[in-house]
Amino acid sequence: MKDDLAFKDICFFNNGKPTDRQLQFDPTNDQPVNPAALDAWADRAAINVGWAIFDYLKTEGSAGKWQPAKNECEKVYPIRQAQ
């Protein structure tokens, strides 16, 4: 999953939309349009990320289904021996 898709899917789950005016920044001063709404969104996004990690550990991790690290491609694509 691409990082930007994970961000969108997890952080915005039951937490507004990326186009919500209250979550935007004012281009004239680079300040949030509604700081309280942005703080509330960030709190909910953190809860969503925590829940996603918990759920992954509970379901995939406890079943031993760990995703290979970026330097473990041989687990996904085993090296075939020449015959």
PDB file of N, CA and C in Angstrom:
ATOM      1  N   MET A   1       0.849  -1.173   0.000  1.00  0.00           N
ATOM      2  CA  MET A   1       0.000   0.000   0.000  1.00  0.00           C
ATOM      3  C   MET A   1       0.896   1.238   0.000  1.00  0.00           C
ATOM      4  N   LYS A   2       0.602   2.162  -0.855  1.00  0.00           N
ATOM      5  CA  LYS A   2       1.364   3.395  -0.892  1.00  0.00           C
ATOM      6  C   LYS A   2       1.090   4.205   0.368  1.00  0.00           C
ATOM      7  N   ASP A   3       2.096   4.940   0.812  1.00  0.00           N
ATOM      8  CA  ASP A   3       1.967   5.720   2.042  1.00  0.00           C
ATOM      9  C   ASP A   3       0.827   6.727   1.973  1.00  0.00           C
ATOM     10  N   ASP A   4       0.668   7.388   0.823  1.00  0.00           N
ATOM     11  CA  ASP A   4      -0.393   8.396   0.733  1.00  0.00           C
ATOM     12  C   ASP A   4      -1.775   7.753   0.803  1.00  0.00           C
ATOM     13  N   LEU A   5      -1.925   6.534   0.291  1.00  0.00           N
ATOM     14  CA  LEU A   5      -3.214   5.842   0.394  1.00  0.00           C
ATOM     15  C   LEU A   5      -3.474   5.416   1.831  1.00  0.00           C
ATOM     16  N   ALA A   6      -2.453   4.951   2.523  1.00  0.00           N
ATOM     17  CA  ALA A   6      -2.609   4.572   3.927  1.00  0.00           C
ATOM     18  C   ALA A   6      -3.005   5.794   4.741  1.00  0.00           C
ATOM     19  N   PHE A   7      -2.364   6.904   4.476  1.00  0.00           N
ATOM     20  CA  PHE A   7      -2.693   8.147   5.180  1.00  0.00           C
ATOM     21  C   PHE A   7      -4.162   8.501   4.976  1.00  0.00           C
ATOM     22  N   LYS A   8      -4.585   8.491   3.723  1.00  0.00           N
ATOM     23  CA  LYS A   8      -5.968   8.856   3.421  1.00  0.00           C
ATOM     24  C   LYS A   8      -6.957   7.868   4.036  1.00  0.00           C
ATOM     25  N   ASP A   9      -6.704   6.586   3.858  1.00  0.00           N
ATOM     26  CA  ASP A   9      -7.646   5.573   4.337  1.00  0.00           C
ATOM     27  C   ASP A   9      -7.714   5.491   5.852  1.00  0.00           C
ATOM     28  N   ILE A  10      -6.581   5.618   6.518  1.00  0.00           N
ATOM     29  CA  ILE A  10      -6.570   5.461   7.971  1.00  0.00           C
ATOM     30  C   ILE A  10      -6.907   6.771   8.682  1.00  0.00           C
ATOM     31  N   CYS A  11      -6.229   7.832   8.331  1.00  0.00           N
ATOM     32  CA  CYS A  11      -6.426   9.094   9.055  1.00  0.00           C
ATOM     33  C   CYS A  11      -7.808   9.705   8.829  1.00  0.00           C
ATOM     34  N   PHE A  12      -8.374   9.494   7.653  1.00  0.00           N
ATOM     35  CA  PHE A  12      -9.686  10.068   7.375  1.00  0.00           C
ATOM     36  C   PHE A  12     -10.837   9.099   7.619  1.00  0.00           C
ATOM     37  N   PHE A  13     -10.574   7.915   8.177  1.00  0.00           N
ATOM     38  CA  PHE A  13     -11.645   6.963   8.472  1.00  0.00           C
ATOM     39  C   PHE A  13     -12.540   7.546   9.559  1.00  0.00           C
ATOM     40  N   ASN A  14     -13.811   7.766   9.236  1.00  0.00           N
ATOM     41  CA  ASN A  14     -14.771   8.398  10.158  1.00  0.00           C
ATOM     42  C   ASN A  14     -14.216   9.698  10.738  1.00  0.00           C
ATOM     43  N   ASN A  15     -13.540  10.477   9.897  1.00  0.00           N
ATOM     44  CA  ASN A  15     -12.848  11.665  10.406  1.00  0.00           C
ATOM     45  C   ASN A  15     -12.802  12.766   9.349  1.00  0.00           C
ATOM     46  N   GLY A  16     -13.936  13.074   8.780  1.00  0.00           N
ATOM     47  CA  GLY A  16     -13.985  14.161   7.804  1.00  0.00           C
ATOM     48  C   GLY A  16     -13.463  13.752   6.445  1.00  0.00           C
ATOM     49  N   LYS A  17     -13.257  14.746   5.592  1.00  0.00           N
ATOM     50  CA  LYS A  17     -12.761  14.523   4.234  1.00  0.00           C
ATOM     51  C   LYS A  17     -11.577  15.447   3.991  1.00  0.00           C
ATOM     52  N   PRO A  18     -10.654  15.036   3.127  1.00  0.00           N
ATOM     53  CA  PRO A  18      -9.488  15.892   2.849  1.00  0.00           C
ATOM     54  C   PRO A  18      -9.870  17.269   2.315  1.00  0.00           C
ATOM     55  N   THR A  19     -11.040  17.390   1.731  1.00  0.00           N
ATOM     56  CA  THR A  19     -11.464  18.672   1.166  1.00  0.00           C
ATOM     57  C   THR A  19     -12.219  19.545   2.166  1.00  0.00           C
ATOM     58  N   ASP A  20     -12.402  19.080   3.382  1.00  0.00           N
ATOM     59  CA  ASP A  20     -13.129  19.843   4.402  1.00  0.00           C
ATOM     60  C   ASP A  20     -12.438  21.187   4.631  1.00  0.00           C
ATOM     61  N   ARG A  21     -13.167  22.262   4.446  1.00  0.00           N
ATOM     62  CA  ARG A  21     -12.609  23.620   4.578  1.00  0.00           C
ATOM     63  C   ARG A  21     -12.007  23.857   5.962  1.00  0.00           C
ATOM     64  N   GLN A  22     -12.568  23.244   6.999  1.00  0.00           N
ATOM     65  CA  GLN A  22     -12.084  23.458   8.359  1.00  0.00           C
ATOM     66  C   GLN A  22     -10.705  22.843   8.609  1.00  0.00           C
ATOM     67  N   LEU A  23     -10.269  21.944   7.715  1.00  0.00           N
ATOM     68  CA  LEU A  23      -8.972  21.282   7.873  1.00  0.00           C
ATOM     69  C   LEU A  23      -7.893  21.894   6.992  1.00  0.00           C
ATOM     70  N   GLN A  24      -8.219  22.955   6.302  1.00  0.00           N
ATOM     71  CA  GLN A  24      -7.286  23.572   5.361  1.00  0.00           C
ATOM     72  C   GLN A  24      -6.448  24.658   6.044  1.00  0.00           C
ATOM     73  N   PHE A  25      -5.427  25.086   5.342  1.00  0.00           N
ATOM     74  CA  PHE A  25      -4.582  26.179   5.800  1.00  0.00           C
ATOM     75  C   PHE A  25      -4.834  27.403   4.936  1.00  0.00           C
ATOM     76  N   ASP A  26      -4.768  28.561   5.558  1.00  0.00           N
ATOM     77  CA  ASP A  26      -4.946  29.833   4.853  1.00  0.00           C
ATOM     78  C   ASP A  26      -3.682  30.098   4.038  1.00  0.00           C
ATOM     79  N   PRO A  27      -3.788  30.201   2.719  1.00  0.00           N
ATOM     80  CA  PRO A  27      -2.588  30.393   1.888  1.00  0.00           C
ATOM     81  C   PRO A  27      -1.903  31.744   2.103  1.00  0.00           C
ATOM     82  N   THR A  28      -2.605  32.695   2.686  1.00  0.00           N
ATOM     83  CA  THR A  28      -1.995  34.017   2.875  1.00  0.00           C
ATOM     84  C   THR A  28      -1.061  34.077   4.084  1.00  0.00           C
ATOM     85  N   ASN A  29      -1.307  33.205   5.081  1.00  0.00           N
ATOM     86  CA  ASN A  29      -0.460  33.261   6.277  1.00  0.00           C
ATOM     87  C   ASN A  29       0.023  31.887   6.756  1.00  0.00           C
ATOM     88  N   ASP A  30      -0.320  30.840   6.012  1.00  0.00           N
ATOM     89  CA  ASP A  30       0.094  29.466   6.350  1.00  0.00           C
ATOM     90  C   ASP A  30      -0.393  29.006   7.728  1.00  0.00           C
ATOM     91  N   GLN A  31      -1.486  29.545   8.174  1.00  0.00           N
ATOM     92  CA  GLN A  31      -2.075  29.154   9.455  1.00  0.00           C
ATOM     93  C   GLN A  31      -3.350  28.354   9.200  1.00  0.00           C
ATOM     94  N   PRO A  32      -3.708  27.448  10.130  1.00  0.00           N
ATOM     95  CA  PRO A  32      -4.946  26.682   9.941  1.00  0.00           C
ATOM     96  C   PRO A  32      -6.164  27.605   9.912  1.00  0.00           C
ATOM     97  N   VAL A  33      -7.124  27.274   9.066  1.00  0.00           N
ATOM     98  CA  VAL A  33      -8.373  28.041   9.010  1.00  0.00           C
ATOM     99  C   VAL A  33      -9.113  27.900  10.333  1.00  0.00           C
ATOM    100  N   ASN A  34      -9.122  26.682  10.885  1.00  0.00           N
ATOM    101  CA  ASN A  34      -9.791  26.421  12.157  1.00  0.00           C
ATOM    102  C   ASN A  34      -8.872  25.538  13.011  1.00  0.00           C
ATOM    103  N   PRO A  35      -8.011  26.149  13.831  1.00  0.00           N
ATOM    104  CA  PRO A  35      -7.044  25.362  14.607  1.00  0.00           C
ATOM    105  C   PRO A  35      -7.691  24.301  15.502  1.00  0.00           C
ATOM    106  N   ALA A  36      -8.828  24.602  16.106  1.00  0.00           N
ATOM    107  CA  ALA A  36      -9.491  23.623  16.981  1.00  0.00           C
ATOM    108  C   ALA A  36      -9.963  22.410  16.181  1.00  0.00           C
ATOM    109  N   ALA A  37     -10.521  22.647  15.004  1.00  0.00           N
ATOM    110  CA  ALA A  37     -10.978  21.537  14.156  1.00  0.00           C
ATOM    111  C   ALA A  37      -9.792  20.705  13.688  1.00  0.00           C
ATOM    112  N   LEU A  38      -8.687  21.356  13.363  1.00  0.00           N
ATOM    113  CA  LEU A  38      -7.495  20.632  12.922  1.00  0.00           C
ATOM    114  C   LEU A  38      -6.913  19.802  14.064  1.00  0.00           C
ATOM    115  N   ASP A  39      -6.905  20.348  15.275  1.00  0.00           N
ATOM    116  CA  ASP A  39      -6.435  19.584  16.438  1.00  0.00           C
ATOM    117  C   ASP A  39      -7.330  18.375  16.702  1.00  0.00           C
ATOM    118  N   ALA A  40      -8.635  18.563  16.606  1.00  0.00           N
ATOM    119  CA  ALA A  40      -9.570  17.453  16.811  1.00  0.00           C
ATOM    120  C   ALA A  40      -9.365  16.384  15.731  1.00  0.00           C
ATOM    121  N   TRP A  41      -9.135  16.819  14.487  1.00  0.00           N
ATOM    122  CA  TRP A  41      -8.880  15.875  13.405  1.00  0.00           C
ATOM    123  C   TRP A  41      -7.603  15.092  13.681  1.00  0.00           C
ATOM    124  N   ALA A  42      -6.540  15.787  14.118  1.00  0.00           N
ATOM    125  CA  ALA A  42      -5.269  15.120  14.392  1.00  0.00           C
ATOM    126  C   ALA A  42      -5.409  14.109  15.533  1.00  0.00           C
ATOM    127  N   ASP A  43      -6.190  14.450  16.551  1.00  0.00           N
ATOM    128  CA  ASP A  43      -6.431  13.505  17.651  1.00  0.00           C
ATOM    129  C   ASP A  43      -7.131  12.250  17.142  1.00  0.00           C
ATOM    130  N   ARG A  44      -8.165  12.434  16.335  1.00  0.00           N
ATOM    131  CA  ARG A  44      -8.899  11.287  15.800  1.00  0.00           C
ATOM    132  C   ARG A  44      -8.013  10.474  14.853  1.00  0.00           C
ATOM    133  N   ALA A  45      -7.189  11.147  14.059  1.00  0.00           N
ATOM    134  CA  ALA A  45      -6.275  10.446  13.154  1.00  0.00           C
ATOM    135  C   ALA A  45      -5.293   9.595  13.955  1.00  0.00           C
ATOM    136  N   ALA A  46      -4.794  10.116  15.072  1.00  0.00           N
ATOM    137  CA  ALA A  46      -3.874   9.344  15.914  1.00  0.00           C
ATOM    138  C   ALA A  46      -4.575   8.120  16.498  1.00  0.00           C
ATOM    139  N   ILE A  47      -5.815   8.277  16.900  1.00  0.00           N
ATOM    140  CA  ILE A  47      -6.594   7.136  17.405  1.00  0.00           C
ATOM    141  C   ILE A  47      -6.759   6.100  16.295  1.00  0.00           C
ATOM    142  N   ASN A  48      -7.070   6.552  15.088  1.00  0.00           N
ATOM    143  CA  ASN A  48      -7.235   5.632  13.962  1.00  0.00           C
ATOM    144  C   ASN A  48      -5.943   4.867  13.670  1.00  0.00           C
ATOM    145  N   VAL A  49      -4.809   5.549  13.702  1.00  0.00           N
ATOM    146  CA  VAL A  49      -3.530   4.890  13.438  1.00  0.00           C
ATOM    147  C   VAL A  49      -3.243   3.865  14.537  1.00  0.00           C
ATOM    148  N   GLY A  50      -3.478   4.248  15.785  1.00  0.00           N
ATOM    149  CA  GLY A  50      -3.280   3.306  16.892  1.00  0.00           C
ATOM    150  C   GLY A  50      -4.152   2.079  16.746  1.00  0.00           C
ATOM    151  N   TRP A  51      -5.404   2.294  16.368  1.00  0.00           N
ATOM    152  CA  TRP A  51      -6.315   1.163  16.180  1.00  0.00           C
ATOM    153  C   TRP A  51      -5.855   0.271  15.027  1.00  0.00           C
ATOM    154  N   ALA A  52      -5.382   0.873  13.946  1.00  0.00           N
ATOM    155  CA  ALA A  52      -4.912   0.090  12.801  1.00  0.00           C
ATOM    156  C   ALA A  52      -3.722  -0.781  13.200  1.00  0.00           C
ATOM    157  N   ILE A  53      -2.810  -0.229  13.985  1.00  0.00           N
ATOM    158  CA  ILE A  53      -1.655  -1.018  14.450  1.00  0.00           C
ATOM    159  C   ILE A  53      -2.116  -2.138  15.365  1.00  0.00           C
ATOM    160  N   PHE A  54      -2.997  -1.822  16.311  1.00  0.00           N
ATOM    161  CA  PHE A  54      -3.524  -2.837  17.227  1.00  0.00           C
ATOM    162  C   PHE A  54      -4.209  -3.965  16.459  1.00  0.00           C
ATOM    163  N   ASP A  55      -5.048  -3.588  15.503  1.00  0.00           N
ATOM    164  CA  ASP A  55      -5.781  -4.594  14.728  1.00  0.00           C
ATOM    165  C   ASP A  55      -4.820  -5.478  13.926  1.00  0.00           C
ATOM    166  N   TYR A  56      -3.793  -4.870  13.336  1.00  0.00           N
ATOM    167  CA  TYR A  56      -2.810  -5.645  12.580  1.00  0.00           C
ATOM    168  C   TYR A  56      -2.089  -6.630  13.499  1.00  0.00           C
ATOM    169  N   LEU A  57      -1.648  -6.160  14.658  1.00  0.00           N
ATOM    170  CA  LEU A  57      -0.945  -7.048  15.583  1.00  0.00           C
ATOM    171  C   LEU A  57      -1.855  -8.162  16.086  1.00  0.00           C
ATOM    172  N   LYS A  58      -3.108  -7.821  16.330  1.00  0.00           N
ATOM    173  CA  LYS A  58      -4.061  -8.807  16.847  1.00  0.00           C
ATOM    174  C   LYS A  58      -4.390  -9.881  15.811  1.00  0.00           C
ATOM    175  N   THR A  59      -4.583  -9.487  14.569  1.00  0.00           N
ATOM    176  CA  THR A  59      -5.017 -10.452  13.554  1.00  0.00           C
ATOM    177  C   THR A  59      -3.837 -11.067  12.797  1.00  0.00           C
ATOM    178  N   GLU A  60      -3.061 -10.244  12.156  1.00  0.00           N
ATOM    179  CA  GLU A  60      -1.959 -10.753  11.326  1.00  0.00           C
ATOM    180  C   GLU A  60      -0.772 -11.193  12.177  1.00  0.00           C
ATOM    181  N   GLY A  61      -0.368 -10.362  13.109  1.00  0.00           N
ATOM    182  CA  GLY A  61       0.802 -10.665  13.923  1.00  0.00           C
ATOM    183  C   GLY A  61       0.621 -11.896  14.783  1.00  0.00           C
ATOM    184  N   SER A  62      -0.526 -12.009  15.423  1.00  0.00           N
ATOM    185  CA  SER A  62      -0.743 -13.156  16.298  1.00  0.00           C
ATOM    186  C   SER A  62      -0.842 -14.461  15.509  1.00  0.00           C
ATOM    187  N   ALA A  63      -1.162 -14.355  14.217  1.00  0.00           N
ATOM    188  CA  ALA A  63      -1.228 -15.540  13.363  1.00  0.00           C
ATOM    189  C   ALA A  63       0.117 -15.832  12.692  1.00  0.00           C
ATOM    190  N   GLY A  64       1.133 -15.000  12.996  1.00  0.00           N
ATOM    191  CA  GLY A  64       2.457 -15.199  12.407  1.00  0.00           C
ATOM    192  C   GLY A  64       2.557 -14.737  10.970  1.00  0.00           C
ATOM    193  N   LYS A  65       1.642 -13.893  10.529  1.00  0.00           N
ATOM    194  CA  LYS A  65       1.639 -13.410   9.143  1.00  0.00           C
ATOM    195  C   LYS A  65       2.320 -12.040   9.067  1.00  0.00           C
ATOM    196  N   TRP A  66       3.596 -12.005   9.370  1.00  0.00           N
ATOM    197  CA  TRP A  66       4.328 -10.745   9.333  1.00  0.00           C
ATOM    198  C   TRP A  66       4.712 -10.394   7.911  1.00  0.00           C
ATOM    199  N   GLN A  67       4.547  -9.145   7.565  1.00  0.00           N
ATOM    200  CA  GLN A  67       4.954  -8.683   6.244  1.00  0.00           C
ATOM    201  C   GLN A  67       6.477  -8.629   6.205  1.00  0.00           C
ATOM    202  N   PRO A  68       7.089  -9.179   5.155  1.00  0.00           N
ATOM    203  CA  PRO A  68       8.552  -9.143   5.075  1.00  0.00           C
ATOM    204  C   PRO A  68       9.064  -7.699   5.041  1.00  0.00           C
ATOM    205  N   ALA A  69      10.238  -7.502   5.622  1.00  0.00           N
ATOM    206  CA  ALA A  69      10.872  -6.184   5.590  1.00  0.00           C
ATOM    207  C   ALA A  69      11.334  -5.881   4.170  1.00  0.00           C
ATOM    208  N   LYS A  70      11.682  -4.631   3.921  1.00  0.00           N
ATOM    209  CA  LYS A  70      12.105  -4.225   2.585  1.00  0.00           C
ATOM    210  C   LYS A  70      13.394  -4.916   2.143  1.00  0.00           C
ATOM    211  N   ASN A  71      14.183  -5.412   3.102  1.00  0.00           N
ATOM    212  CA  ASN A  71      15.417  -6.097   2.734  1.00  0.00           C
ATOM    213  C   ASN A  71      15.256  -7.621   2.760  1.00  0.00           C
ATOM    214  N   GLU A  72      14.012  -8.111   2.787  1.00  0.00           N
ATOM    215  CA  GLU A  72      13.744  -9.544   2.799  1.00  0.00           C
ATOM    216  C   GLU A  72      12.945  -9.985   1.567  1.00  0.00           C
ATOM    217  N   CYS A  73      13.327  -9.450   0.403  1.00  0.00           N
ATOM    218  CA  CYS A  73      12.564  -9.746  -0.807  1.00  0.00           C
ATOM    219  C   CYS A  73      12.633 -11.220  -1.192  1.00  0.00           C
ATOM    220  N   GLU A  74      13.665 -11.935  -0.711  1.00  0.00           N
ATOM    221  CA  GLU A  74      13.747 -13.357  -1.043  1.00  0.00           C
ATOM    222  C   GLU A  74      12.611 -14.156  -0.417  1.00  0.00           C
ATOM    223  N   LYS A  75      11.984 -13.618   0.621  1.00  0.00           N
ATOM    224  CA  LYS A  75      10.828 -14.304   1.211  1.00  0.00           C
ATOM    225  C   LYS A  75       9.606 -14.210   0.288  1.00  0.00           C
ATOM    226  N   VAL A  76       9.525 -13.116  -0.431  1.00  0.00           N
ATOM    227  CA  VAL A  76       8.414 -12.925  -1.368  1.00  0.00           C
ATOM    228  C   VAL A  76       8.748 -13.546  -2.720  1.00  0.00           C
ATOM    229  N   TYR A  77       9.991 -13.376  -3.144  1.00  0.00           N
ATOM    230  CA  TYR A  77      10.443 -13.883  -4.438  1.00  0.00           C
ATOM    231  C   TYR A  77      11.634 -14.816  -4.199  1.00  0.00           C
ATOM    232  N   PRO A  78      11.377 -16.077  -3.862  1.00  0.00           N
ATOM    233  CA  PRO A  78      12.486 -17.000  -3.559  1.00  0.00           C
ATOM    234  C   PRO A  78      13.438 -17.154  -4.737  1.00  0.00           C
ATOM    235  N   ILE A  79      14.700 -17.298  -4.418  1.00  0.00           N
ATOM    236  CA  ILE A  79      15.721 -17.502  -5.450  1.00  0.00           C
ATOM    237  C   ILE A  79      15.610 -18.936  -5.945  1.00  0.00           C
ATOM    238  N   ARG A  80      15.485 -19.076  -7.240  1.00  0.00           N
ATOM    239  CA  ARG A  80      15.375 -20.409  -7.828  1.00  0.00           C
ATOM    240  C   ARG A  80      16.757 -20.897  -8.201  1.00  0.00           C
ATOM    241  N   GLN A  81      17.034 -22.109  -7.838  1.00  0.00           N
ATOM    242  CA  GLN A  81      18.325 -22.709  -8.171  1.00  0.00           C
ATOM    243  C   GLN A  81      18.287 -23.241  -9.589  1.00  0.00           C
ATOM    244  N   ALA A  82      19.359 -23.034 -10.308  1.00  0.00           N
ATOM    245  CA  ALA A  82      19.459 -23.546 -11.689  1.00  0.00           C
ATOM    246  C   ALA A  82      19.529 -25.072 -11.634  1.00  0.00           C
ATOM    247  N   GLN A  83      18.864 -25.714 -12.557  1.00  0.00           N
ATOM    248  CA  GLN A  83      18.851 -27.182 -12.575  1.00  0.00           C
ATOM    249  C   GLN A  83      19.631 -27.733 -13.699  1.00  0.00           C
TER     250      GLN A  83
END
